[in-house]
Amino acid sequence: MAVPVWSVDPRTGKQREQVAAEATAEEVDAVVRAASAASPALADREVRSRLLRTAADFLEEAGPRILEAADAETALGPVRLTGELGRTAYQLRAFADIVDEGAYLDVIIDHADASLAPPRPDLRRWKIPLGVVAVYAASNFPLAFSVPGGDTASALAAGCPVVVKAHPDHPATSELCADALRRAAVAVGLPADVVSVVHGFQAGIDLVRHPLVSAAGFTGSVRGGRALFDAAAARPVPIPFHGELGSLNPVVVTEAAAEERAEQIGAGLAGAMTLGVGQFCVKPGLVLAPQGEAGDRLLKSLAAAVGDVTPGTLLDARMRDNFIAGVGELTALPDVDAPVEPGDGGEHLVRAGFVSVPAARLAEGGGAHDVLLEEHFGPVTVIARYANAEEVEGVLGRLPGNLTATAHLGEAEASGAEPSGAGAELLRRLTPLAGRVVVNGWPTGVAVAPAMHHGGPYPATTSTSTSVGGTAIERWLRPVVYQDAPEALLPAELRDANPRGVPRRFNGRRDA
């Protein structure tokens, strides 16, 4: 019997409509095989570029319907979702530009040279698509990290068909986005099956285990991501699994920074930790702030700003229940204060807040306070008050990998004029902890830019790659070299004449 997939309004908890049915194993198999059969059609870079641009156009055309469904399913609000739709369309077009340029192919040509010892044959290297990619949509970004998001865009740019396991929090949005992408494929002469969507928990497991799936991208919880990561590794033929699993995103506020701008930092932290009802993967979840008068001013500013935040709706009832239970556990711990207590904000709502604890408690380790060093999804953060640099080091030394780490420095520390070099030393200390180190700002907001890296040491991610920025395309490619192959048999990008103008390294030199 088919299991229905319902669209649910988190503001009321009521079912909106039945969107689909959970995919059976046979249906997952059929979808993956259709995607695999569509792979050859993606071989032409010009067609892929047109697909990405057309997909962006079609998403924007369907924008009103998509935004209405997304708001009804996530309660994220039209302003936030409109911005996310714009980001998603921009991301698709940015990958089209990358495909057009061709540098991602990493073409290297070395002509034969018999004078070398040993002699060198003719070698021509580039990167080719892996095959069908499974994408696991995120709950907190129904567009930018879901069906039409960065994993899908970068995989299509690489020449890989995509099968998305839709997130149960926004199935109607997922179907609308999939429809736009599939229509875009047909419009440029490609099979619609270069992009498909399946629903259901078991479908996600069947997907990662399917022998024709060649790689996977995931954004979600440590528990769910690790289960899929292990399944990917346990296959008879293991596949790459690029998972974003969780992050505490630590912030260190130096004493000099707190003395110079405690109120500004407190207000900025309030905005960062409550943005999107605290449901951003880069929300600052742990802040090391100094003891003393300057730190007190920071907390006073933070309390005032957080206290003014209106209770909000989390993405689903399960997340709300987990949030209320989790913050209740935090506030019950010895030596933990809650200047603004987070928790139940009324029916279907949660209230933002924060807790404060002596940093020495966290540096000790091994006790109940370790829960303060775990990610808590929702509008809450932990302020650890430190007395000296040794306590800061003690806490940082206990942290796992993160997506981001942030340093708030004083003016002299930031300029390098501080005699001890404390600013540079703090950056050196934070760098091993994260994939992005932020100075005098906040990590919320991940720019879609060539230099962006959205990843980090485990458990932030399961690989060293990024899911945002141009280099995200590298996840879905593998290198291959042709030795002594006649030029007439080679792809145009590997021929001496370089008819498509691909950037490359030619006999040891950069050649445009």
Protein backbone atom coordinates (compact mmCIF):
# COMPACT_ATOMS: atom_id res chain seq x y z
CA MET A 1 0.00 0.00 0.00
CA ALA A 2 1.39 3.43 -0.97
CA VAL A 3 2.47 5.62 1.96
CA PRO A 4 1.18 9.18 1.43
CA VAL A 5 3.50 12.19 1.61
CA TRP A 6 1.74 15.17 3.17
CA SER A 7 2.55 18.84 3.09
CA VAL A 8 2.19 20.18 6.65
CA ASP A 9 1.90 23.78 7.86
CA PRO A 10 4.28 24.16 10.85
CA ARG A 11 2.37 27.23 12.05
CA THR A 12 -0.71 25.11 12.73
CA GLY A 13 0.49 21.52 12.58
CA LYS A 14 -2.27 20.75 10.07
CA GLN A 15 -1.90 18.79 6.85
CA ARG A 16 -2.24 20.98 3.77
CA GLU A 17 -2.39 18.43 0.96
CA GLN A 18 -1.11 15.04 -0.10
CA VAL A 19 1.76 15.77 -2.45
CA ALA A 20 3.04 12.33 -3.43
CA ALA A 21 3.64 8.83 -2.14
CA GLU A 22 6.83 7.41 -0.70
CA ALA A 23 8.86 5.70 -3.39
CA THR A 24 9.12 1.92 -3.25
CA ALA A 25 12.40 0.13 -3.91
CA GLU A 26 11.19 -0.68 -7.41
CA GLU A 27 10.35 2.97 -8.06
CA VAL A 28 13.74 4.14 -6.80
CA ASP A 29 15.39 1.61 -9.08
CA ALA A 30 13.40 2.85 -12.09
CA VAL A 31 14.21 6.50 -11.37
CA VAL A 32 17.95 5.83 -10.99
CA ARG A 33 18.06 3.74 -14.15
CA ALA A 34 16.29 6.49 -16.09
CA ALA A 35 18.79 9.02 -14.74
CA SER A 36 21.69 6.80 -15.72
CA ALA A 37 20.27 6.39 -19.22
CA ALA A 38 20.12 10.20 -19.51
CA SER A 39 23.83 10.62 -18.67
CA PRO A 40 25.13 10.67 -22.27
CA ALA A 41 22.81 13.57 -23.11
CA LEU A 42 24.68 15.75 -20.60
CA ALA A 43 28.03 15.30 -22.31
CA ASP A 44 27.91 18.58 -24.24
CA ARG A 45 29.06 21.54 -22.14
CA GLU A 46 27.07 24.05 -24.15
CA VAL A 47 23.85 22.13 -23.53
CA ARG A 48 24.58 21.93 -19.80
CA SER A 49 25.18 25.67 -19.67
CA ARG A 50 21.84 26.30 -21.38
CA LEU A 51 20.13 23.89 -19.00
CA LEU A 52 21.40 25.76 -15.93
CA ARG A 53 20.41 29.17 -17.28
CA THR A 54 17.00 27.93 -18.41
CA ALA A 55 16.43 26.28 -15.04
CA ALA A 56 17.11 29.62 -13.34
CA ASP A 57 14.64 31.33 -15.68
CA PHE A 58 11.95 28.72 -15.09
CA LEU A 59 12.40 28.87 -11.31
CA GLU A 60 11.95 32.62 -11.38
CA GLU A 61 8.87 32.32 -13.59
CA ALA A 62 7.35 29.84 -11.15
CA GLY A 63 8.51 31.98 -8.23
CA PRO A 64 5.10 33.07 -6.88
CA ARG A 65 3.82 29.49 -6.62
CA ILE A 66 7.12 28.21 -5.21
CA LEU A 67 7.33 30.96 -2.60
CA GLU A 68 3.72 30.44 -1.53
CA ALA A 69 4.28 26.71 -1.03
CA ALA A 70 7.66 27.19 0.68
CA ASP A 71 6.27 29.70 3.18
CA ALA A 72 3.27 27.47 3.92
CA GLU A 73 5.57 24.48 4.55
CA THR A 74 8.47 26.16 6.42
CA ALA A 75 7.13 29.37 8.02
CA LEU A 76 10.37 31.06 6.95
CA GLY A 77 8.50 34.07 5.60
CA PRO A 78 8.27 35.65 2.14
CA VAL A 79 11.18 38.05 2.63
CA ARG A 80 13.65 35.34 3.58
CA LEU A 81 12.35 32.96 0.90
CA THR A 82 12.41 35.59 -1.85
CA GLY A 83 16.06 36.18 -1.09
CA GLU A 84 16.70 32.46 -1.13
CA LEU A 85 15.02 32.07 -4.51
CA GLY A 86 17.23 34.84 -5.89
CA ARG A 87 20.30 33.14 -4.46
CA THR A 88 19.28 29.81 -6.00
CA ALA A 89 18.77 31.28 -9.46
CA TYR A 90 22.08 33.16 -9.20
CA GLN A 91 23.82 29.94 -8.18
CA LEU A 92 22.51 28.10 -11.25
CA ARG A 93 23.72 30.88 -13.55
CA ALA A 94 27.08 31.01 -11.77
CA PHE A 95 27.65 27.33 -12.51
CA ALA A 96 26.67 27.96 -16.13
CA ASP A 97 29.49 30.50 -16.27
CA ILE A 98 31.88 27.92 -14.81
CA VAL A 99 30.83 25.37 -17.42
CA ASP A 100 31.35 27.93 -20.20
CA GLU A 101 34.84 28.82 -19.00
CA GLY A 102 35.95 25.19 -18.64
CA ALA A 103 38.77 25.71 -16.13
CA TYR A 104 37.12 23.15 -13.81
CA LEU A 105 38.12 20.45 -16.32
CA ASP A 106 41.71 20.93 -15.13
CA VAL A 107 43.18 20.13 -18.56
CA ILE A 108 46.89 19.28 -18.52
CA ILE A 109 48.76 18.32 -21.71
CA ASP A 110 52.35 17.07 -21.76
CA HIS A 111 53.80 16.19 -25.16
CA ALA A 112 56.03 13.18 -25.56
CA ASP A 113 59.69 13.84 -24.85
CA ALA A 114 62.22 11.07 -25.53
CA SER A 115 65.08 13.17 -24.15
CA LEU A 116 63.83 12.90 -20.58
CA ALA A 117 64.97 10.14 -18.22
CA PRO A 118 62.80 8.18 -18.19
CA PRO A 119 61.24 9.17 -21.53
CA ARG A 120 57.81 10.76 -21.27
CA PRO A 121 54.90 9.58 -23.41
CA ASP A 122 52.20 11.93 -24.66
CA LEU A 123 49.85 12.55 -21.71
CA ARG A 124 46.54 14.41 -21.74
CA ARG A 125 44.58 14.75 -18.51
CA TRP A 126 41.16 16.16 -17.68
CA LYS A 127 38.20 15.46 -15.43
CA ILE A 128 35.04 13.56 -16.30
CA PRO A 129 31.67 13.24 -14.51
CA LEU A 130 31.22 10.44 -12.00
CA GLY A 131 27.66 9.48 -13.00
CA VAL A 132 24.32 9.65 -11.21
CA VAL A 133 24.44 11.80 -8.06
CA ALA A 134 22.05 11.34 -5.13
CA VAL A 135 21.19 14.61 -3.39
CA TYR A 136 19.62 14.71 0.07
CA ALA A 137 17.71 17.96 0.55
CA ALA A 138 18.09 20.13 3.65
CA SER A 139 15.23 21.08 5.94
CA ASN A 140 16.27 24.68 6.61
CA PHE A 141 16.85 25.82 3.01
CA PRO A 142 13.94 24.57 0.88
CA LEU A 143 15.49 26.09 -2.26
CA ALA A 144 19.23 26.84 -1.98
CA PHE A 145 20.13 23.49 -0.38
CA SER A 146 17.32 21.36 -1.72
CA VAL A 147 15.97 20.27 -5.13
CA PRO A 148 17.32 23.22 -7.17
CA GLY A 149 20.18 23.97 -4.77
CA GLY A 150 23.95 23.90 -4.88
CA ASP A 151 24.40 20.13 -4.94
CA THR A 152 22.02 19.78 -7.87
CA ALA A 153 23.44 22.78 -9.75
CA SER A 154 27.06 21.70 -9.35
CA ALA A 155 26.31 18.08 -10.26
CA LEU A 156 24.46 19.07 -13.43
CA ALA A 157 27.29 21.46 -14.26
CA ALA A 158 29.73 18.55 -13.96
CA GLY A 159 27.58 16.48 -16.34
CA CYS A 160 25.96 14.24 -13.72
CA PRO A 161 22.23 13.44 -13.63
CA VAL A 162 20.65 14.04 -10.23
CA VAL A 163 18.10 12.15 -8.14
CA VAL A 164 16.98 14.21 -5.13
CA LYS A 165 15.57 12.68 -1.98
CA ALA A 166 13.14 15.43 -1.03
CA HIS A 167 12.98 16.60 2.57
CA PRO A 168 9.69 15.72 4.29
CA ASP A 169 9.33 19.28 5.63
CA HIS A 170 8.72 20.78 2.17
CA PRO A 171 7.48 18.15 -0.30
CA ALA A 172 5.18 20.47 -2.26
CA THR A 173 7.99 22.98 -2.74
CA SER A 174 10.24 20.14 -3.85
CA GLU A 175 7.76 18.99 -6.48
CA LEU A 176 7.28 22.49 -7.85
CA CYS A 177 11.04 23.02 -8.12
CA ALA A 178 11.55 19.62 -9.73
CA ASP A 179 8.89 20.44 -12.28
CA ALA A 180 10.70 23.66 -13.21
CA LEU A 181 14.04 21.86 -13.60
CA ARG A 182 12.57 18.99 -15.61
CA ARG A 183 10.75 21.40 -17.94
CA ALA A 184 14.02 23.30 -18.37
CA ALA A 185 15.74 20.07 -19.40
CA VAL A 186 13.13 19.34 -22.04
CA ALA A 187 13.27 22.93 -23.29
CA VAL A 188 16.98 22.59 -24.13
CA GLY A 189 16.58 19.17 -25.71
CA LEU A 190 17.54 16.96 -22.77
CA PRO A 191 15.59 14.10 -21.18
CA ALA A 192 13.55 15.27 -18.20
CA ASP A 193 15.14 12.45 -16.20
CA VAL A 194 18.42 14.35 -15.82
CA VAL A 195 16.65 15.59 -12.65
CA SER A 196 14.22 13.49 -10.59
CA VAL A 197 12.77 13.52 -7.08
CA VAL A 198 11.83 10.69 -4.73
CA HIS A 199 10.17 10.83 -1.31
CA GLY A 200 10.46 8.71 1.81
CA PHE A 201 13.02 7.68 4.43
CA GLN A 202 13.54 4.20 2.98
CA ALA A 203 13.85 5.70 -0.50
CA GLY A 204 16.85 7.64 0.77
CA ILE A 205 18.52 4.45 1.94
CA ASP A 206 17.69 2.62 -1.26
CA LEU A 207 19.11 5.53 -3.22
CA VAL A 208 22.55 5.56 -1.60
CA ARG A 209 22.78 1.78 -1.99
CA HIS A 210 21.81 1.69 -5.66
CA PRO A 211 24.66 0.35 -7.80
CA LEU A 212 24.15 3.02 -10.48
CA VAL A 213 24.48 5.91 -8.01
CA SER A 214 28.07 7.14 -8.16
CA ALA A 215 28.19 9.85 -5.45
CA ALA A 216 25.99 11.57 -2.89
CA GLY A 217 25.57 15.01 -1.35
CA PHE A 218 23.83 15.51 1.99
CA THR A 219 22.91 18.41 4.28
CA GLY A 220 21.36 17.53 7.61
CA SER A 221 21.96 16.02 11.03
CA VAL A 222 25.02 14.15 12.28
CA ARG A 223 22.92 11.07 13.00
CA GLY A 224 21.22 10.89 9.60
CA GLY A 225 24.28 11.89 7.64
CA ARG A 226 26.55 9.43 9.39
CA ALA A 227 24.11 6.57 8.72
CA LEU A 228 24.10 7.37 5.00
CA PHE A 229 27.87 7.92 4.98
CA ASP A 230 28.39 4.47 6.49
CA ALA A 231 25.97 2.95 3.97
CA ALA A 232 27.89 4.59 1.12
CA ALA A 233 31.16 3.19 2.44
CA ALA A 234 29.71 -0.30 3.05
CA ARG A 235 28.57 -0.81 -0.55
CA PRO A 236 30.35 -3.48 -2.62
CA VAL A 237 31.64 -0.49 -4.60
CA PRO A 238 31.94 2.42 -2.10
CA ILE A 239 31.08 5.88 -3.38
CA PRO A 240 32.04 9.42 -2.33
CA PHE A 241 29.64 10.85 0.22
CA HIS A 242 29.85 14.60 0.68
CA GLY A 243 27.87 15.28 3.82
CA GLU A 244 27.35 18.44 5.85
CA LEU A 245 26.39 17.11 9.26
CA GLY A 246 26.59 19.69 12.02
CA SER A 247 28.53 22.62 13.41
CA LEU A 248 28.85 24.61 16.63
CA ASN A 249 30.52 27.60 14.89
CA PRO A 250 32.53 28.89 17.87
CA VAL A 251 33.15 32.60 18.40
CA VAL A 252 36.00 34.05 20.47
CA VAL A 253 35.60 37.64 21.67
CA THR A 254 38.89 39.00 22.95
CA GLU A 255 38.96 41.25 25.99
CA ALA A 256 40.15 44.14 23.83
CA ALA A 257 37.24 43.69 21.43
CA ALA A 258 34.74 43.58 24.29
CA GLU A 259 36.21 46.73 25.85
CA GLU A 260 36.01 48.61 22.53
CA ARG A 261 32.55 47.54 21.29
CA ALA A 262 30.74 45.25 23.74
CA GLU A 263 27.30 46.62 22.87
CA GLN A 264 27.84 46.26 19.12
CA ILE A 265 29.04 42.68 19.48
CA GLY A 266 26.12 41.76 21.75
CA ALA A 267 23.56 43.16 19.32
CA GLY A 268 25.27 41.52 16.35
CA LEU A 269 25.33 38.16 18.10
CA ALA A 270 21.61 38.42 18.85
CA GLY A 271 20.88 38.94 15.16
CA ALA A 272 23.13 36.07 14.08
CA MET A 273 21.84 33.50 16.58
CA THR A 274 18.15 34.25 15.95
CA LEU A 275 18.33 34.66 12.17
CA GLY A 276 15.89 32.23 10.55
CA VAL A 277 14.72 31.27 14.08
CA GLY A 278 18.23 29.97 14.77
CA GLN A 279 17.98 27.34 12.04
CA PHE A 280 21.09 28.26 10.04
CA CYS A 281 23.87 25.68 9.83
CA VAL A 282 26.37 28.49 10.56
CA LYS A 283 24.55 29.90 13.60
CA PRO A 284 27.07 30.82 16.32
CA GLY A 285 26.31 28.21 18.97
CA LEU A 286 29.19 28.83 21.38
CA VAL A 287 30.67 32.22 22.26
CA LEU A 288 33.73 32.67 24.44
CA ALA A 289 33.41 36.08 26.12
CA PRO A 290 35.61 37.56 28.85
CA GLN A 291 34.65 37.84 32.47
CA GLY A 292 34.59 41.32 33.95
CA GLU A 293 32.93 44.62 33.16
CA ALA A 294 33.34 44.52 29.37
CA GLY A 295 31.93 41.01 29.15
CA ASP A 296 29.04 42.04 31.38
CA ARG A 297 28.21 44.87 28.98
CA LEU A 298 28.25 42.42 26.08
CA LEU A 299 25.78 40.12 27.84
CA LYS A 300 23.55 43.04 28.79
CA SER A 301 23.38 44.14 25.16
CA LEU A 302 22.74 40.57 24.02
CA ALA A 303 19.97 40.11 26.60
CA ALA A 304 18.22 43.31 25.54
CA ALA A 305 18.33 42.40 21.84
CA VAL A 306 17.30 38.77 22.29
CA GLY A 307 14.54 39.76 24.68
CA ASP A 308 12.97 41.83 21.90
CA VAL A 309 12.84 38.90 19.47
CA THR A 310 9.31 37.71 18.74
CA PRO A 311 8.71 33.95 19.28
CA GLY A 312 9.02 32.05 16.03
CA THR A 313 8.00 28.81 14.35
CA LEU A 314 10.54 26.05 13.75
CA LEU A 315 10.41 23.92 10.62
CA ASP A 316 8.40 21.10 12.16
CA ALA A 317 6.91 19.88 15.43
CA ARG A 318 9.70 17.36 16.02
CA MET A 319 12.31 20.11 15.90
CA ARG A 320 10.25 22.21 18.28
CA ASP A 321 9.95 19.34 20.76
CA ASN A 322 13.70 18.66 20.54
CA PHE A 323 14.49 22.34 21.04
CA ILE A 324 12.31 22.68 24.14
CA ALA A 325 13.68 19.48 25.65
CA GLY A 326 17.26 20.40 24.78
CA VAL A 327 17.25 23.90 26.24
CA GLY A 328 15.52 22.54 29.32
CA GLU A 329 18.47 20.20 29.80
CA LEU A 330 20.92 23.08 29.41
CA THR A 331 19.23 25.42 31.89
CA ALA A 332 19.02 22.68 34.54
CA LEU A 333 22.81 22.23 34.70
CA PRO A 334 24.76 23.53 37.73
CA ASP A 335 26.51 26.90 37.22
CA VAL A 336 24.43 27.61 34.12
CA ASP A 337 22.46 30.86 34.07
CA ALA A 338 19.81 31.85 31.55
CA PRO A 339 19.68 35.68 31.38
CA VAL A 340 17.02 35.25 28.69
CA GLU A 341 15.56 31.77 29.03
CA PRO A 342 14.88 29.98 25.74
CA GLY A 343 12.02 27.53 25.39
CA ASP A 344 8.30 27.21 24.73
CA GLY A 345 6.95 30.37 23.12
CA GLY A 346 3.32 29.28 22.95
CA GLU A 347 1.43 26.98 20.61
CA HIS A 348 3.72 25.96 17.73
CA LEU A 349 6.24 28.67 18.75
CA VAL A 350 9.63 28.82 20.45
CA ARG A 351 11.22 31.62 22.44
CA ALA A 352 14.79 32.75 21.76
CA GLY A 353 17.33 32.92 24.56
CA PHE A 354 20.83 32.12 25.71
CA VAL A 355 22.67 30.53 28.59
CA SER A 356 25.88 31.52 30.33
CA VAL A 357 28.44 29.22 31.96
CA PRO A 358 31.98 29.60 33.31
CA ALA A 359 34.42 28.52 30.60
CA ALA A 360 36.33 26.50 33.20
CA ARG A 361 33.34 24.15 33.40
CA LEU A 362 33.59 23.40 29.67
CA ALA A 363 37.35 23.11 29.68
CA GLU A 364 37.20 20.35 32.31
CA GLY A 365 35.23 17.91 30.16
CA GLY A 366 33.84 14.49 30.88
CA GLY A 367 30.67 15.56 32.68
CA ALA A 368 27.08 16.64 32.11
CA HIS A 369 28.25 20.03 30.86
CA ASP A 370 29.56 18.43 27.67
CA VAL A 371 26.04 18.87 26.26
CA LEU A 372 26.83 22.60 26.05
CA LEU A 373 29.41 21.78 23.37
CA GLU A 374 26.83 20.15 21.11
CA GLU A 375 24.88 21.85 18.33
CA HIS A 376 21.37 22.93 19.36
CA PHE A 377 19.10 23.65 16.42
CA GLY A 378 17.02 26.75 17.07
CA PRO A 379 17.38 30.25 18.57
CA VAL A 380 19.79 29.56 21.43
CA THR A 381 23.49 30.03 22.04
CA VAL A 382 25.93 29.29 24.86
CA ILE A 383 28.10 32.04 26.33
CA ALA A 384 31.23 30.70 28.04
CA ARG A 385 32.81 33.35 30.29
CA TYR A 386 36.59 32.97 30.45
CA ALA A 387 39.08 34.35 32.98
CA ASN A 388 42.27 33.90 30.95
CA ALA A 389 43.80 32.59 27.74
CA GLU A 390 44.30 29.15 29.27
CA GLU A 391 40.55 28.71 29.67
CA VAL A 392 39.96 29.77 26.07
CA GLU A 393 42.52 27.22 24.90
CA GLY A 394 40.97 24.57 27.15
CA VAL A 395 37.54 25.01 25.53
CA LEU A 396 38.84 25.25 21.96
CA GLY A 397 40.87 22.10 22.53
CA ARG A 398 37.68 20.16 23.19
CA LEU A 399 35.81 21.19 20.06
CA PRO A 400 35.24 18.98 17.01
CA GLY A 401 35.40 20.26 13.43
CA ASN A 402 33.17 23.15 12.40
CA LEU A 403 31.97 24.94 9.31
CA THR A 404 33.09 28.29 10.72
CA ALA A 405 35.06 29.86 13.55
CA THR A 406 34.91 33.56 14.35
CA ALA A 407 37.29 35.96 16.08
CA HIS A 408 36.25 39.37 17.36
CA LEU A 409 39.45 41.37 17.81
CA GLY A 410 40.36 44.75 19.17
CA GLU A 411 41.61 47.42 16.78
CA ALA A 412 45.29 46.87 17.61
CA GLU A 413 44.89 43.10 17.43
CA ALA A 414 43.23 43.30 14.02
CA SER A 415 45.87 45.65 12.60
CA GLY A 416 48.77 43.53 13.80
CA ALA A 417 50.02 46.40 15.95
CA GLU A 418 49.40 44.55 19.21
CA PRO A 419 52.91 43.64 20.48
CA SER A 420 52.09 40.06 21.44
CA GLY A 421 50.64 39.21 18.02
CA ALA A 422 47.51 37.94 19.77
CA GLY A 423 45.27 38.53 16.76
CA ALA A 424 47.35 36.47 14.36
CA GLU A 425 47.85 33.80 16.99
CA LEU A 426 44.09 33.46 17.56
CA LEU A 427 43.51 33.06 13.82
CA ARG A 428 46.19 30.37 13.71
CA ARG A 429 44.47 28.61 16.59
CA LEU A 430 41.02 28.75 14.99
CA THR A 431 42.11 27.66 11.50
CA PRO A 432 42.40 23.90 12.26
CA LEU A 433 38.86 23.95 13.67
CA ALA A 434 36.93 25.22 10.65
CA GLY A 435 36.63 25.64 6.90
CA ARG A 436 35.92 29.38 7.12
CA VAL A 437 37.47 31.77 9.65
CA VAL A 438 35.55 35.04 10.13
CA VAL A 439 37.09 38.18 11.63
CA ASN A 440 34.99 40.91 13.27
CA GLY A 441 31.79 39.70 11.65
CA TRP A 442 29.29 36.87 11.87
CA PRO A 443 29.25 33.56 9.98
CA THR A 444 25.57 33.64 9.02
CA GLY A 445 25.30 34.37 5.32
CA VAL A 446 27.35 32.14 3.01
CA ALA A 447 28.20 34.11 -0.13
CA VAL A 448 27.94 32.32 -3.47
CA ALA A 449 31.41 33.24 -4.72
CA PRO A 450 34.35 31.51 -6.39
CA ALA A 451 36.47 31.70 -3.24
CA MET A 452 33.79 30.51 -0.79
CA HIS A 453 34.39 27.33 1.18
CA HIS A 454 31.43 25.82 3.01
CA GLY A 455 32.81 22.76 4.72
CA GLY A 456 35.15 21.82 7.52
CA PRO A 457 36.72 19.03 9.54
CA TYR A 458 34.44 16.18 10.65
CA PRO A 459 31.67 16.28 11.79
CA ALA A 460 31.06 19.56 9.97
CA THR A 461 31.52 17.64 6.74
CA THR A 462 32.56 14.13 5.73
CA SER A 463 35.03 15.32 3.08
CA THR A 464 37.37 18.23 2.46
CA SER A 465 35.16 19.70 -0.29
CA THR A 466 32.72 22.60 -0.29
CA SER A 467 29.00 22.66 -1.04
CA VAL A 468 28.99 26.39 -1.88
CA GLY A 469 31.12 28.23 -4.42
CA GLY A 470 32.57 27.32 -7.77
CA THR A 471 34.82 24.54 -6.53
CA ALA A 472 31.74 22.56 -5.39
CA ILE A 473 31.73 21.11 -8.91
CA GLU A 474 34.91 19.16 -8.12
CA ARG A 475 32.95 16.73 -5.92
CA TRP A 476 31.31 15.13 -8.94
CA LEU A 477 34.38 14.68 -11.16
CA ARG A 478 37.29 12.30 -11.43
CA PRO A 479 40.53 12.69 -13.38
CA VAL A 480 41.46 10.51 -16.34
CA VAL A 481 44.58 10.66 -18.53
CA TYR A 482 44.98 9.52 -22.14
CA GLN A 483 48.43 8.23 -23.03
CA ASP A 484 49.63 8.30 -26.66
CA ALA A 485 46.04 8.60 -27.91
CA PRO A 486 45.70 9.95 -31.48
CA GLU A 487 44.33 13.51 -31.40
CA ALA A 488 41.53 12.60 -33.75
CA LEU A 489 40.10 10.28 -31.08
CA LEU A 490 40.28 12.80 -28.24
CA PRO A 491 37.67 15.27 -26.96
CA ALA A 492 38.11 18.76 -28.42
CA GLU A 493 39.29 20.11 -25.07
CA LEU A 494 42.34 17.80 -25.13
CA ARG A 495 43.54 18.62 -28.64
CA ASP A 496 46.53 20.87 -29.25
CA ALA A 497 44.50 23.44 -31.17
CA ASN A 498 42.20 23.95 -28.16
CA PRO A 499 39.21 24.89 -30.35
CA ARG A 500 36.98 25.61 -27.35
CA GLY A 501 39.50 27.86 -25.60
CA VAL A 502 39.63 25.90 -22.34
CA PRO A 503 42.19 27.16 -19.80
CA ARG A 504 44.90 24.51 -19.43
CA ARG A 505 48.49 23.72 -18.58
CA PHE A 506 50.35 22.97 -21.81
CA ASN A 507 53.84 21.46 -21.57
CA GLY A 508 54.33 22.90 -18.12
CA ARG A 509 52.98 26.39 -18.83
CA ARG A 510 49.63 28.05 -18.35
CA ASP A 511 47.92 28.36 -21.71
CA ALA A 512 44.70 30.25 -22.28
